[in-house]
Structure formats: structure tokens, C-alpha cells
Amino acid sequence: MTPLPEIEAAMPVLGSFGGLLARRHASYKVGILRDLAGHPGARLRMREIQERVDWLKPDSVRRLVRRRDSAGKSSRAQGQSE
């Protein structure tokens, strides 16, 4: 079952995290993070992420996770250069 209705209801509160939510597909990204939050610190393989996020098509999960990863890398690089 999709968590999107609950996430949409929480978006005004989550808006304080502008860096994450200012981009397209914010509700989906939050949903993916919600589903992965209970996983211990080890990195997951893409297949494991796709299995956990069973309410979204595997290709969509892959695309959103890669966007999140590339956004995180660029923000860390900016922080190091300042």
C-alpha cells in the first residue's frame, strides 16, 4: 500500500527541509526514505531497496535513489569547498 497520502498530509511540516523537498517528486523521495529508515546502517543493494519500496515501480525507485545519491554527493562537495 502506498504511503503517499500520509506523506502528502505531512508535507507542510516537512517543508522545513527545503533542500530535500524543493525538488521534483519530493513525496516519493520521502516515502522511500521512510521505508528505508528502519534498516540498520549497512548500505543496501538496489534490489533490496526495490523490494522494500514495493509500492513504487522498480525503475522509478532506481531513478529516485540515484537522483538522491547524486544530490547528496554534490551537496557534500559544496560543503567541502566552502
PDB file of N, CA and C in Angstrom:
ATOM      1  N   MET A   1       0.834  -1.181   0.000  1.00  0.00           N
ATOM      2  CA  MET A   1       0.000   0.000   0.000  1.00  0.00           C
ATOM      3  C   MET A   1       0.880   1.245   0.000  1.00  0.00           C
ATOM      4  N   THR A   2       0.539   2.221  -0.774  1.00  0.00           N
ATOM      5  CA  THR A   2       1.344   3.424  -0.900  1.00  0.00           C
ATOM      6  C   THR A   2       1.245   4.329   0.332  1.00  0.00           C
ATOM      7  N   PRO A   3       2.359   4.871   0.784  1.00  0.00           N
ATOM      8  CA  PRO A   3       2.335   5.795   1.915  1.00  0.00           C
ATOM      9  C   PRO A   3       2.087   7.241   1.484  1.00  0.00           C
ATOM     10  N   LEU A   4       1.856   7.473   0.209  1.00  0.00           N
ATOM     11  CA  LEU A   4       1.777   8.841  -0.296  1.00  0.00           C
ATOM     12  C   LEU A   4       0.697   9.704   0.354  1.00  0.00           C
ATOM     13  N   PRO A   5      -0.514   9.213   0.656  1.00  0.00           N
ATOM     14  CA  PRO A   5      -1.488  10.085   1.314  1.00  0.00           C
ATOM     15  C   PRO A   5      -0.998  10.627   2.664  1.00  0.00           C
ATOM     16  N   GLU A   6      -0.369   9.776   3.469  1.00  0.00           N
ATOM     17  CA  GLU A   6       0.171  10.221   4.752  1.00  0.00           C
ATOM     18  C   GLU A   6       1.303  11.222   4.548  1.00  0.00           C
ATOM     19  N   ILE A   7       2.127  10.976   3.559  1.00  0.00           N
ATOM     20  CA  ILE A   7       3.251  11.863   3.286  1.00  0.00           C
ATOM     21  C   ILE A   7       2.751  13.215   2.811  1.00  0.00           C
ATOM     22  N   GLU A   8       1.761  13.218   1.919  1.00  0.00           N
ATOM     23  CA  GLU A   8       1.196  14.477   1.434  1.00  0.00           C
ATOM     24  C   GLU A   8       0.635  15.298   2.592  1.00  0.00           C
ATOM     25  N   ALA A   9       0.022  14.639   3.561  1.00  0.00           N
ATOM     26  CA  ALA A   9      -0.519  15.345   4.721  1.00  0.00           C
ATOM     27  C   ALA A   9       0.597  15.952   5.573  1.00  0.00           C
ATOM     28  N   ALA A  10       1.759  15.327   5.582  1.00  0.00           N
ATOM     29  CA  ALA A  10       2.882  15.802   6.388  1.00  0.00           C
ATOM     30  C   ALA A  10       3.771  16.804   5.654  1.00  0.00           C
ATOM     31  N   MET A  11       3.551  17.024   4.383  1.00  0.00           N
ATOM     32  CA  MET A  11       4.435  17.878   3.595  1.00  0.00           C
ATOM     33  C   MET A  11       4.596  19.294   4.171  1.00  0.00           C
ATOM     34  N   PRO A  12       3.563  19.937   4.717  1.00  0.00           N
ATOM     35  CA  PRO A  12       3.793  21.268   5.288  1.00  0.00           C
ATOM     36  C   PRO A  12       4.835  21.255   6.405  1.00  0.00           C
ATOM     37  N   VAL A  13       4.822  20.226   7.242  1.00  0.00           N
ATOM     38  CA  VAL A  13       5.809  20.114   8.313  1.00  0.00           C
ATOM     39  C   VAL A  13       7.177  19.797   7.727  1.00  0.00           C
ATOM     40  N   LEU A  14       7.202  18.906   6.753  1.00  0.00           N
ATOM     41  CA  LEU A  14       8.465  18.505   6.136  1.00  0.00           C
ATOM     42  C   LEU A  14       9.071  19.621   5.289  1.00  0.00           C
ATOM     43  N   GLY A  15       8.285  20.641   4.975  1.00  0.00           N
ATOM     44  CA  GLY A  15       8.772  21.750   4.166  1.00  0.00           C
ATOM     45  C   GLY A  15       9.966  22.458   4.762  1.00  0.00           C
ATOM     46  N   SER A  16      10.198  22.300   6.059  1.00  0.00           N
ATOM     47  CA  SER A  16      11.360  22.926   6.681  1.00  0.00           C
ATOM     48  C   SER A  16      12.670  22.302   6.206  1.00  0.00           C
ATOM     49  N   PHE A  17      12.570  21.163   5.546  1.00  0.00           N
ATOM     50  CA  PHE A  17      13.743  20.514   4.968  1.00  0.00           C
ATOM     51  C   PHE A  17      13.814  20.872   3.484  1.00  0.00           C
ATOM     52  N   GLY A  18      13.930  22.134   3.197  1.00  0.00           N
ATOM     53  CA  GLY A  18      13.844  22.651   1.840  1.00  0.00           C
ATOM     54  C   GLY A  18      14.785  22.006   0.848  1.00  0.00           C
ATOM     55  N   GLY A  19      15.984  21.658   1.261  1.00  0.00           N
ATOM     56  CA  GLY A  19      16.941  21.052   0.344  1.00  0.00           C
ATOM     57  C   GLY A  19      16.445  19.742  -0.230  1.00  0.00           C
ATOM     58  N   LEU A  20      15.733  18.973   0.561  1.00  0.00           N
ATOM     59  CA  LEU A  20      15.205  17.697   0.092  1.00  0.00           C
ATOM     60  C   LEU A  20      13.924  17.890  -0.704  1.00  0.00           C
ATOM     61  N   LEU A  21      13.079  18.791  -0.233  1.00  0.00           N
ATOM     62  CA  LEU A  21      11.738  18.884  -0.784  1.00  0.00           C
ATOM     63  C   LEU A  21      11.586  19.907  -1.900  1.00  0.00           C
ATOM     64  N   ALA A  22      12.592  20.688  -2.151  1.00  0.00           N
ATOM     65  CA  ALA A  22      12.481  21.704  -3.196  1.00  0.00           C
ATOM     66  C   ALA A  22      12.518  21.095  -4.585  1.00  0.00           C
ATOM     67  N   ARG A  23      12.848  19.870  -4.658  1.00  0.00           N
ATOM     68  CA  ARG A  23      12.979  19.203  -5.959  1.00  0.00           C
ATOM     69  C   ARG A  23      11.723  18.427  -6.311  1.00  0.00           C
ATOM     70  N   ARG A  24      11.649  18.048  -7.563  1.00  0.00           N
ATOM     71  CA  ARG A  24      10.510  17.258  -8.040  1.00  0.00           C
ATOM     72  C   ARG A  24      10.425  15.919  -7.313  1.00  0.00           C
ATOM     73  N   HIS A  25       9.234  15.396  -7.233  1.00  0.00           N
ATOM     74  CA  HIS A  25       8.962  14.065  -6.680  1.00  0.00           C
ATOM     75  C   HIS A  25       9.301  13.966  -5.189  1.00  0.00           C
ATOM     76  N   ALA A  26       9.156  15.062  -4.458  1.00  0.00           N
ATOM     77  CA  ALA A  26       9.522  15.073  -3.041  1.00  0.00           C
ATOM     78  C   ALA A  26       8.762  14.028  -2.240  1.00  0.00           C
ATOM     79  N   SER A  27       7.478  13.863  -2.493  1.00  0.00           N
ATOM     80  CA  SER A  27       6.685  12.888  -1.728  1.00  0.00           C
ATOM     81  C   SER A  27       7.220  11.474  -1.922  1.00  0.00           C
ATOM     82  N   TYR A  28       7.615  11.159  -3.134  1.00  0.00           N
ATOM     83  CA  TYR A  28       8.156   9.828  -3.413  1.00  0.00           C
ATOM     84  C   TYR A  28       9.491   9.633  -2.691  1.00  0.00           C
ATOM     85  N   LYS A  29      10.323  10.667  -2.699  1.00  0.00           N
ATOM     86  CA  LYS A  29      11.617  10.571  -2.017  1.00  0.00           C
ATOM     87  C   LYS A  29      11.422  10.362  -0.526  1.00  0.00           C
ATOM     88  N   VAL A  30      10.487  11.109   0.060  1.00  0.00           N
ATOM     89  CA  VAL A  30      10.206  10.941   1.487  1.00  0.00           C
ATOM     90  C   VAL A  30       9.683   9.535   1.758  1.00  0.00           C
ATOM     91  N   GLY A  31       8.833   9.022   0.884  1.00  0.00           N
ATOM     92  CA  GLY A  31       8.322   7.663   1.038  1.00  0.00           C
ATOM     93  C   GLY A  31       9.417   6.621   1.010  1.00  0.00           C
ATOM     94  N   ILE A  32      10.350   6.794   0.100  1.00  0.00           N
ATOM     95  CA  ILE A  32      11.484   5.865   0.028  1.00  0.00           C
ATOM     96  C   ILE A  32      12.315   5.949   1.303  1.00  0.00           C
ATOM     97  N   LEU A  33      12.595   7.162   1.758  1.00  0.00           N
ATOM     98  CA  LEU A  33      13.362   7.324   2.995  1.00  0.00           C
ATOM     99  C   LEU A  33      12.630   6.709   4.183  1.00  0.00           C
ATOM    100  N   ARG A  34      11.319   6.880   4.221  1.00  0.00           N
ATOM    101  CA  ARG A  34      10.520   6.298   5.295  1.00  0.00           C
ATOM    102  C   ARG A  34      10.648   4.778   5.298  1.00  0.00           C
ATOM    103  N   ASP A  35      10.554   4.174   4.123  1.00  0.00           N
ATOM    104  CA  ASP A  35      10.633   2.718   4.037  1.00  0.00           C
ATOM    105  C   ASP A  35      12.021   2.187   4.373  1.00  0.00           C
ATOM    106  N   LEU A  36      13.047   2.977   4.150  1.00  0.00           N
ATOM    107  CA  LEU A  36      14.410   2.525   4.417  1.00  0.00           C
ATOM    108  C   LEU A  36      14.901   2.914   5.807  1.00  0.00           C
ATOM    109  N   ALA A  37      14.154   3.745   6.528  1.00  0.00           N
ATOM    110  CA  ALA A  37      14.603   4.281   7.817  1.00  0.00           C
ATOM    111  C   ALA A  37      14.862   3.204   8.865  1.00  0.00           C
ATOM    112  N   GLY A  38      14.121   2.125   8.844  1.00  0.00           N
ATOM    113  CA  GLY A  38      14.287   1.081   9.847  1.00  0.00           C
ATOM    114  C   GLY A  38      15.452   0.143   9.585  1.00  0.00           C
ATOM    115  N   HIS A  39      16.106   0.307   8.466  1.00  0.00           N
ATOM    116  CA  HIS A  39      17.204  -0.591   8.111  1.00  0.00           C
ATOM    117  C   HIS A  39      18.482  -0.167   8.835  1.00  0.00           C
ATOM    118  N   PRO A  40      19.218  -1.120   9.415  1.00  0.00           N
ATOM    119  CA  PRO A  40      20.479  -0.777  10.074  1.00  0.00           C
ATOM    120  C   PRO A  40      21.470  -0.141   9.096  1.00  0.00           C
ATOM    121  N   GLY A  41      22.482   0.492   9.606  1.00  0.00           N
ATOM    122  CA  GLY A  41      23.412   1.334   8.870  1.00  0.00           C
ATOM    123  C   GLY A  41      24.062   0.809   7.608  1.00  0.00           C
ATOM    124  N   ALA A  42      24.092  -0.480   7.383  1.00  0.00           N
ATOM    125  CA  ALA A  42      24.770  -1.003   6.195  1.00  0.00           C
ATOM    126  C   ALA A  42      24.076  -0.544   4.915  1.00  0.00           C
ATOM    127  N   ARG A  43      24.855  -0.391   3.877  1.00  0.00           N
ATOM    128  CA  ARG A  43      24.287   0.007   2.585  1.00  0.00           C
ATOM    129  C   ARG A  43      23.473  -1.137   1.994  1.00  0.00           C
ATOM    130  N   LEU A  44      22.393  -0.762   1.353  1.00  0.00           N
ATOM    131  CA  LEU A  44      21.548  -1.739   0.693  1.00  0.00           C
ATOM    132  C   LEU A  44      21.870  -1.798  -0.793  1.00  0.00           C
ATOM    133  N   ARG A  45      21.735  -2.950  -1.369  1.00  0.00           N
ATOM    134  CA  ARG A  45      21.834  -3.079  -2.824  1.00  0.00           C
ATOM    135  C   ARG A  45      20.528  -2.580  -3.422  1.00  0.00           C
ATOM    136  N   MET A  46      20.595  -2.171  -4.683  1.00  0.00           N
ATOM    137  CA  MET A  46      19.418  -1.621  -5.339  1.00  0.00           C
ATOM    138  C   MET A  46      18.249  -2.608  -5.310  1.00  0.00           C
ATOM    139  N   ARG A  47      18.517  -3.868  -5.520  1.00  0.00           N
ATOM    140  CA  ARG A  47      17.445  -4.875  -5.494  1.00  0.00           C
ATOM    141  C   ARG A  47      16.754  -4.899  -4.129  1.00  0.00           C
ATOM    142  N   GLU A  48      17.532  -4.783  -3.053  1.00  0.00           N
ATOM    143  CA  GLU A  48      16.946  -4.771  -1.710  1.00  0.00           C
ATOM    144  C   GLU A  48      16.083  -3.525  -1.496  1.00  0.00           C
ATOM    145  N   ILE A  49      16.547  -2.395  -2.000  1.00  0.00           N
ATOM    146  CA  ILE A  49      15.765  -1.163  -1.891  1.00  0.00           C
ATOM    147  C   ILE A  49      14.454  -1.316  -2.654  1.00  0.00           C
ATOM    148  N   GLN A  50      14.534  -1.859  -3.858  1.00  0.00           N
ATOM    149  CA  GLN A  50      13.328  -2.044  -4.672  1.00  0.00           C
ATOM    150  C   GLN A  50      12.342  -2.994  -3.998  1.00  0.00           C
ATOM    151  N   GLU A  51      12.845  -4.011  -3.303  1.00  0.00           N
ATOM    152  CA  GLU A  51      11.964  -4.938  -2.596  1.00  0.00           C
ATOM    153  C   GLU A  51      11.283  -4.268  -1.405  1.00  0.00           C
ATOM    154  N   ARG A  52      11.999  -3.396  -0.700  1.00  0.00           N
ATOM    155  CA  ARG A  52      11.427  -2.685   0.440  1.00  0.00           C
ATOM    156  C   ARG A  52      10.393  -1.650   0.007  1.00  0.00           C
ATOM    157  N   VAL A  53      10.636  -1.010  -1.127  1.00  0.00           N
ATOM    158  CA  VAL A  53       9.734   0.024  -1.637  1.00  0.00           C
ATOM    159  C   VAL A  53       8.830  -0.635  -2.680  1.00  0.00           C
ATOM    160  N   ASP A  54       7.988  -1.529  -2.203  1.00  0.00           N
ATOM    161  CA  ASP A  54       7.177  -2.337  -3.112  1.00  0.00           C
ATOM    162  C   ASP A  54       5.953  -1.601  -3.658  1.00  0.00           C
ATOM    163  N   TRP A  55       5.693  -0.403  -3.213  1.00  0.00           N
ATOM    164  CA  TRP A  55       4.547   0.381  -3.669  1.00  0.00           C
ATOM    165  C   TRP A  55       4.884   1.254  -4.874  1.00  0.00           C
ATOM    166  N   LEU A  56       6.126   1.216  -5.315  1.00  0.00           N
ATOM    167  CA  LEU A  56       6.573   2.023  -6.445  1.00  0.00           C
ATOM    168  C   LEU A  56       7.263   1.106  -7.450  1.00  0.00           C
ATOM    169  N   LYS A  57       7.134   1.413  -8.721  1.00  0.00           N
ATOM    170  CA  LYS A  57       7.763   0.590  -9.755  1.00  0.00           C
ATOM    171  C   LYS A  57       9.281   0.560  -9.565  1.00  0.00           C
ATOM    172  N   PRO A  58       9.915  -0.595  -9.784  1.00  0.00           N
ATOM    173  CA  PRO A  58      11.361  -0.719  -9.592  1.00  0.00           C
ATOM    174  C   PRO A  58      12.179   0.326 -10.364  1.00  0.00           C
ATOM    175  N   ASP A  59      11.798   0.627 -11.600  1.00  0.00           N
ATOM    176  CA  ASP A  59      12.541   1.630 -12.376  1.00  0.00           C
ATOM    177  C   ASP A  59      12.444   3.011 -11.738  1.00  0.00           C
ATOM    178  N   SER A  60      11.282   3.325 -11.187  1.00  0.00           N
ATOM    179  CA  SER A  60      11.106   4.616 -10.517  1.00  0.00           C
ATOM    180  C   SER A  60      11.942   4.686  -9.249  1.00  0.00           C
ATOM    181  N   VAL A  61      11.971   3.595  -8.497  1.00  0.00           N
ATOM    182  CA  VAL A  61      12.802   3.546  -7.289  1.00  0.00           C
ATOM    183  C   VAL A  61      14.258   3.778  -7.662  1.00  0.00           C
ATOM    184  N   ARG A  62      14.732   3.082  -8.669  1.00  0.00           N
ATOM    185  CA  ARG A  62      16.131   3.207  -9.095  1.00  0.00           C
ATOM    186  C   ARG A  62      16.450   4.652  -9.477  1.00  0.00           C
ATOM    187  N   ARG A  63      15.580   5.264 -10.264  1.00  0.00           N
ATOM    188  CA  ARG A  63      15.811   6.636 -10.720  1.00  0.00           C
ATOM    189  C   ARG A  63      15.845   7.619  -9.544  1.00  0.00           C
ATOM    190  N   LEU A  64      14.895   7.509  -8.624  1.00  0.00           N
ATOM    191  CA  LEU A  64      14.835   8.434  -7.496  1.00  0.00           C
ATOM    192  C   LEU A  64      16.001   8.238  -6.531  1.00  0.00           C
ATOM    193  N   VAL A  65      16.404   7.001  -6.307  1.00  0.00           N
ATOM    194  CA  VAL A  65      17.540   6.739  -5.423  1.00  0.00           C
ATOM    195  C   VAL A  65      18.822   7.285  -6.043  1.00  0.00           C
ATOM    196  N   ARG A  66      18.991   7.118  -7.323  1.00  0.00           N
ATOM    197  CA  ARG A  66      20.194   7.651  -7.982  1.00  0.00           C
ATOM    198  C   ARG A  66      20.219   9.172  -7.939  1.00  0.00           C
ATOM    199  N   ARG A  67      19.060   9.798  -8.127  1.00  0.00           N
ATOM    200  CA  ARG A  67      18.995  11.266  -8.018  1.00  0.00           C
ATOM    201  C   ARG A  67      19.347  11.712  -6.608  1.00  0.00           C
ATOM    202  N   ARG A  68      18.821  11.002  -5.624  1.00  0.00           N
ATOM    203  CA  ARG A  68      19.121  11.339  -4.227  1.00  0.00           C
ATOM    204  C   ARG A  68      20.611  11.190  -3.950  1.00  0.00           C
ATOM    205  N   ASP A  69      21.196  10.103  -4.426  1.00  0.00           N
ATOM    206  CA  ASP A  69      22.615   9.871  -4.214  1.00  0.00           C
ATOM    207  C   ASP A  69      23.464  10.947  -4.881  1.00  0.00           C
ATOM    208  N   SER A  70      23.126  11.313  -6.114  1.00  0.00           N
ATOM    209  CA  SER A  70      23.920  12.324  -6.805  1.00  0.00           C
ATOM    210  C   SER A  70      23.731  13.694  -6.166  1.00  0.00           C
ATOM    211  N   ALA A  71      22.550  13.997  -5.662  1.00  0.00           N
ATOM    212  CA  ALA A  71      22.323  15.269  -4.974  1.00  0.00           C
ATOM    213  C   ALA A  71      23.119  15.319  -3.674  1.00  0.00           C
ATOM    214  N   GLY A  72      23.184  14.206  -2.970  1.00  0.00           N
ATOM    215  CA  GLY A  72      23.960  14.147  -1.730  1.00  0.00           C
ATOM    216  C   GLY A  72      25.438  14.324  -1.973  1.00  0.00           C
ATOM    217  N   LYS A  73      25.937  13.728  -3.034  1.00  0.00           N
ATOM    218  CA  LYS A  73      27.353  13.870  -3.367  1.00  0.00           C
ATOM    219  C   LYS A  73      27.685  15.298  -3.731  1.00  0.00           C
ATOM    220  N   SER A  74      26.828  15.967  -4.501  1.00  0.00           N
ATOM    221  CA  SER A  74      27.116  17.342  -4.898  1.00  0.00           C
ATOM    222  C   SER A  74      27.024  18.287  -3.710  1.00  0.00           C
ATOM    223  N   SER A  75      26.091  18.055  -2.786  1.00  0.00           N
ATOM    224  CA  SER A  75      25.996  18.942  -1.609  1.00  0.00           C
ATOM    225  C   SER A  75      27.169  18.741  -0.673  1.00  0.00           C
ATOM    226  N   ARG A  76      27.680  17.512  -0.560  1.00  0.00           N
ATOM    227  CA  ARG A  76      28.872  17.274   0.267  1.00  0.00           C
ATOM    228  C   ARG A  76      30.078  17.941  -0.367  1.00  0.00           C
ATOM    229  N   ALA A  77      30.183  17.887  -1.679  1.00  0.00           N
ATOM    230  CA  ALA A  77      31.310  18.520  -2.364  1.00  0.00           C
ATOM    231  C   ALA A  77      31.260  20.040  -2.176  1.00  0.00           C
ATOM    232  N   GLN A  78      30.084  20.628  -2.220  1.00  0.00           N
ATOM    233  CA  GLN A  78      29.960  22.065  -1.998  1.00  0.00           C
ATOM    234  C   GLN A  78      30.369  22.417  -0.579  1.00  0.00           C
ATOM    235  N   GLY A  79      29.970  21.619   0.385  1.00  0.00           N
ATOM    236  CA  GLY A  79      30.314  21.865   1.773  1.00  0.00           C
ATOM    237  C   GLY A  79      31.809  21.786   2.022  1.00  0.00           C
ATOM    238  N   GLN A  80      32.499  20.906   1.315  1.00  0.00           N
ATOM    239  CA  GLN A  80      33.935  20.768   1.478  1.00  0.00           C
ATOM    240  C   GLN A  80      34.690  21.916   0.837  1.00  0.00           C
ATOM    241  N   SER A  81      34.130  22.510  -0.204  1.00  0.00           N
ATOM    242  CA  SER A  81      34.826  23.583  -0.903  1.00  0.00           C
ATOM    243  C   SER A  81      34.636  24.933  -0.223  1.00  0.00           C
ATOM    244  N   GLU A  82      33.684  25.024   0.703  1.00  0.00           N
ATOM    245  CA  GLU A  82      33.437  26.310   1.381  1.00  0.00           C
ATOM    246  C   GLU A  82      34.343  26.515   2.538  1.00  0.00           C
TER     247      GLU A  82
END
